[in-house]
Amino acid sequence: VQLQASGGGLVEAGGSLRLSCAASGRTISIYHMGWFRQAPGKEREFVAGSNWNAGNTFYADSVKGRFTISRDNAKNTVYLQMNSLKPEDTAVYYCTTGITWPPRAYWGQGTQVTVSS
């Protein structure tokens, strides 16, 4: 599976961004999908995930209520809507997929999100 993430950029605190991740090579309808992020000097952390069989979504406490993960299986694409962004959300965001939870088997190239204060 190949993953291509896009949609990152520079935004002011309180703003919004929507990340997209297009998958190719396999249909995502039978895969878990996720987003991780890594800030400078910090470990990579789980942000949000969507499991394939029940359509449930999961979020890190730090983004709950502000971020929304969604998927369009027909387009083989997963999205991360990020609202009320904070400077601490600044990181490289990675799209992931896999058949086990949390999905870590395949990673996209990452997209930079920078939130200015």
C-alpha atoms as a PDB file:
ATOM      1  CA  VAL A   1       0.000   0.000   0.000  1.00  0.00           C
ATOM      2  CA  GLN A   2       1.293   3.455  -0.902  1.00  0.00           C
ATOM      3  CA  LEU A   3       0.061   6.497   0.981  1.00  0.00           C
ATOM      4  CA  GLN A   4       0.301  10.094  -0.189  1.00  0.00           C
ATOM      5  CA  ALA A   5      -0.515  12.745   2.391  1.00  0.00           C
ATOM      6  CA  SER A   6      -1.260  16.362   1.574  1.00  0.00           C
ATOM      7  CA  GLY A   7      -2.886  19.464   2.991  1.00  0.00           C
ATOM      8  CA  GLY A   8      -0.333  20.607   5.523  1.00  0.00           C
ATOM      9  CA  GLY A   9       0.774  24.193   5.812  1.00  0.00           C
ATOM     10  CA  LEU A  10       1.106  27.241   8.006  1.00  0.00           C
ATOM     11  CA  VAL A  11      -1.937  28.461   9.918  1.00  0.00           C
ATOM     12  CA  GLU A  12      -2.567  30.814  12.817  1.00  0.00           C
ATOM     13  CA  ALA A  13      -3.709  29.512  16.164  1.00  0.00           C
ATOM     14  CA  GLY A  14      -7.447  28.930  16.128  1.00  0.00           C
ATOM     15  CA  GLY A  15      -7.454  28.155  12.432  1.00  0.00           C
ATOM     16  CA  SER A  16      -8.261  24.960  10.562  1.00  0.00           C
ATOM     17  CA  LEU A  17      -6.621  22.608   8.116  1.00  0.00           C
ATOM     18  CA  ARG A  18      -7.764  19.435   6.415  1.00  0.00           C
ATOM     19  CA  LEU A  19      -5.235  16.749   5.683  1.00  0.00           C
ATOM     20  CA  SER A  20      -5.868  14.177   2.994  1.00  0.00           C
ATOM     21  CA  CYS A  21      -4.265  10.814   2.451  1.00  0.00           C
ATOM     22  CA  ALA A  22      -4.737   8.988  -0.818  1.00  0.00           C
ATOM     23  CA  ALA A  23      -3.999   5.278  -0.811  1.00  0.00           C
ATOM     24  CA  SER A  24      -3.029   3.171  -3.787  1.00  0.00           C
ATOM     25  CA  GLY A  25      -2.191  -0.437  -4.269  1.00  0.00           C
ATOM     26  CA  ARG A  26      -4.909  -1.811  -2.023  1.00  0.00           C
ATOM     27  CA  THR A  27      -8.427  -0.820  -1.142  1.00  0.00           C
ATOM     28  CA  ILE A  28      -8.588   0.827   2.266  1.00  0.00           C
ATOM     29  CA  SER A  29     -12.074  -0.490   2.986  1.00  0.00           C
ATOM     30  CA  ILE A  30     -10.593  -3.524   4.751  1.00  0.00           C
ATOM     31  CA  TYR A  31      -7.811  -1.664   6.531  1.00  0.00           C
ATOM     32  CA  HIS A  32      -7.591   0.375   9.667  1.00  0.00           C
ATOM     33  CA  MET A  33      -6.491   3.944   8.926  1.00  0.00           C
ATOM     34  CA  GLY A  34      -4.702   6.345  11.201  1.00  0.00           C
ATOM     35  CA  TRP A  35      -2.824   9.580  11.659  1.00  0.00           C
ATOM     36  CA  PHE A  36       0.297   9.989  13.759  1.00  0.00           C
ATOM     37  CA  ARG A  37       2.416  13.059  14.312  1.00  0.00           C
ATOM     38  CA  GLN A  38       5.925  13.893  15.388  1.00  0.00           C
ATOM     39  CA  ALA A  39       6.952  17.243  16.774  1.00  0.00           C
ATOM     40  CA  PRO A  40      10.608  18.350  16.895  1.00  0.00           C
ATOM     41  CA  GLY A  41      12.416  16.621  19.732  1.00  0.00           C
ATOM     42  CA  LYS A  42       9.428  14.454  20.611  1.00  0.00           C
ATOM     43  CA  GLU A  43       8.404  10.906  19.973  1.00  0.00           C
ATOM     44  CA  ARG A  44       5.923  10.023  17.306  1.00  0.00           C
ATOM     45  CA  GLU A  45       2.413   9.842  18.749  1.00  0.00           C
ATOM     46  CA  PHE A  46      -0.972   8.531  17.733  1.00  0.00           C
ATOM     47  CA  VAL A  47      -3.461  11.262  16.817  1.00  0.00           C
ATOM     48  CA  ALA A  48      -6.558   9.609  15.372  1.00  0.00           C
ATOM     49  CA  GLY A  49      -7.693   6.347  13.878  1.00  0.00           C
ATOM     50  CA  SER A  50     -10.578   4.696  12.092  1.00  0.00           C
ATOM     51  CA  ASN A  51     -11.093   0.959  12.197  1.00  0.00           C
ATOM     52  CA  TRP A  52     -12.453  -0.677   9.112  1.00  0.00           C
ATOM     53  CA  ASN A  53     -15.014  -3.153  10.396  1.00  0.00           C
ATOM     54  CA  ALA A  54     -17.114  -1.075  12.739  1.00  0.00           C
ATOM     55  CA  GLY A  55     -16.344   2.396  11.496  1.00  0.00           C
ATOM     56  CA  ASN A  56     -15.341   3.456  14.989  1.00  0.00           C
ATOM     57  CA  THR A  57     -13.016   6.389  15.460  1.00  0.00           C
ATOM     58  CA  PHE A  58     -10.456   7.001  18.176  1.00  0.00           C
ATOM     59  CA  TYR A  59      -8.577  10.120  19.206  1.00  0.00           C
ATOM     60  CA  ALA A  60      -5.726  11.160  21.409  1.00  0.00           C
ATOM     61  CA  ASP A  61      -6.978  13.142  24.393  1.00  0.00           C
ATOM     62  CA  SER A  62      -5.021  16.170  23.196  1.00  0.00           C
ATOM     63  CA  VAL A  63      -7.074  16.457  19.988  1.00  0.00           C
ATOM     64  CA  LYS A  64     -10.438  15.105  21.064  1.00  0.00           C
ATOM     65  CA  GLY A  65     -13.227  17.512  20.169  1.00  0.00           C
ATOM     66  CA  ARG A  66     -11.020  19.432  17.722  1.00  0.00           C
ATOM     67  CA  PHE A  67      -9.921  16.837  15.147  1.00  0.00           C
ATOM     68  CA  THR A  68     -12.110  14.526  13.084  1.00  0.00           C
ATOM     69  CA  ILE A  69     -10.956  11.551  11.066  1.00  0.00           C
ATOM     70  CA  SER A  70     -13.099  10.369   8.189  1.00  0.00           C
ATOM     71  CA  ARG A  71     -12.717   8.069   5.248  1.00  0.00           C
ATOM     72  CA  ASP A  72     -14.105   7.800   1.746  1.00  0.00           C
ATOM     73  CA  ASN A  73     -13.609   4.190   0.758  1.00  0.00           C
ATOM     74  CA  ALA A  74     -14.848   4.872  -2.772  1.00  0.00           C
ATOM     75  CA  LYS A  75     -12.004   7.363  -3.227  1.00  0.00           C
ATOM     76  CA  ASN A  76      -9.554   5.288  -1.202  1.00  0.00           C
ATOM     77  CA  THR A  77      -8.868   8.402   0.846  1.00  0.00           C
ATOM     78  CA  VAL A  78      -8.795   9.263   4.527  1.00  0.00           C
ATOM     79  CA  TYR A  79      -9.040  12.781   5.919  1.00  0.00           C
ATOM     80  CA  LEU A  80      -8.124  14.576   9.107  1.00  0.00           C
ATOM     81  CA  GLN A  81     -10.099  17.737   9.752  1.00  0.00           C
ATOM     82  CA  MET A  82      -8.243  19.848  12.281  1.00  0.00           C
ATOM     83  CA  ASN A  83     -10.057  22.746  13.928  1.00  0.00           C
ATOM     84  CA  SER A  84      -9.102  25.145  16.699  1.00  0.00           C
ATOM     85  CA  LEU A  85      -5.456  24.485  16.032  1.00  0.00           C
ATOM     86  CA  LYS A  86      -2.908  25.255  18.713  1.00  0.00           C
ATOM     87  CA  PRO A  87       0.842  25.889  18.468  1.00  0.00           C
ATOM     88  CA  GLU A  88       1.406  22.546  20.193  1.00  0.00           C
ATOM     89  CA  ASP A  89      -0.218  20.833  17.201  1.00  0.00           C
ATOM     90  CA  THR A  90       2.819  21.798  15.139  1.00  0.00           C
ATOM     91  CA  ALA A  91       4.345  18.578  13.818  1.00  0.00           C
ATOM     92  CA  VAL A  92       4.857  16.387  10.805  1.00  0.00           C
ATOM     93  CA  TYR A  93       1.668  14.392  10.327  1.00  0.00           C
ATOM     94  CA  TYR A  94       1.802  10.870   8.949  1.00  0.00           C
ATOM     95  CA  CYS A  95      -0.984   8.843   7.446  1.00  0.00           C
ATOM     96  CA  THR A  96      -0.871   5.147   8.272  1.00  0.00           C
ATOM     97  CA  THR A  97      -2.709   1.962   7.527  1.00  0.00           C
ATOM     98  CA  GLY A  98      -2.627  -1.661   8.497  1.00  0.00           C
ATOM     99  CA  ILE A  99      -4.676  -4.679   9.476  1.00  0.00           C
ATOM    100  CA  THR A 100      -3.745  -4.579  13.153  1.00  0.00           C
ATOM    101  CA  TRP A 101      -4.534  -1.846  15.677  1.00  0.00           C
ATOM    102  CA  PRO A 102      -3.206   0.790  15.881  1.00  0.00           C
ATOM    103  CA  PRO A 103      -2.363   0.818  12.187  1.00  0.00           C
ATOM    104  CA  ARG A 104       1.397   1.053  11.765  1.00  0.00           C
ATOM    105  CA  ALA A 105       2.210  -1.309   8.923  1.00  0.00           C
ATOM    106  CA  TYR A 106       2.370   1.295   6.168  1.00  0.00           C
ATOM    107  CA  TRP A 107       3.318   4.966   6.423  1.00  0.00           C
ATOM    108  CA  GLY A 108       2.966   7.928   4.126  1.00  0.00           C
ATOM    109  CA  GLN A 109       5.726  10.483   3.638  1.00  0.00           C
ATOM    110  CA  GLY A 110       4.386  13.002   6.128  1.00  0.00           C
ATOM    111  CA  THR A 111       3.069  16.519   5.751  1.00  0.00           C
ATOM    112  CA  GLN A 112       4.192  19.494   7.828  1.00  0.00           C
ATOM    113  CA  VAL A 113       1.656  21.389   9.910  1.00  0.00           C
ATOM    114  CA  THR A 114       2.834  24.602  11.548  1.00  0.00           C
ATOM    115  CA  VAL A 115       0.590  26.606  13.856  1.00  0.00           C
ATOM    116  CA  SER A 116       1.743  30.100  14.729  1.00  0.00           C
ATOM    117  CA  SER A 117       0.770  31.806  17.962  1.00  0.00           C
END
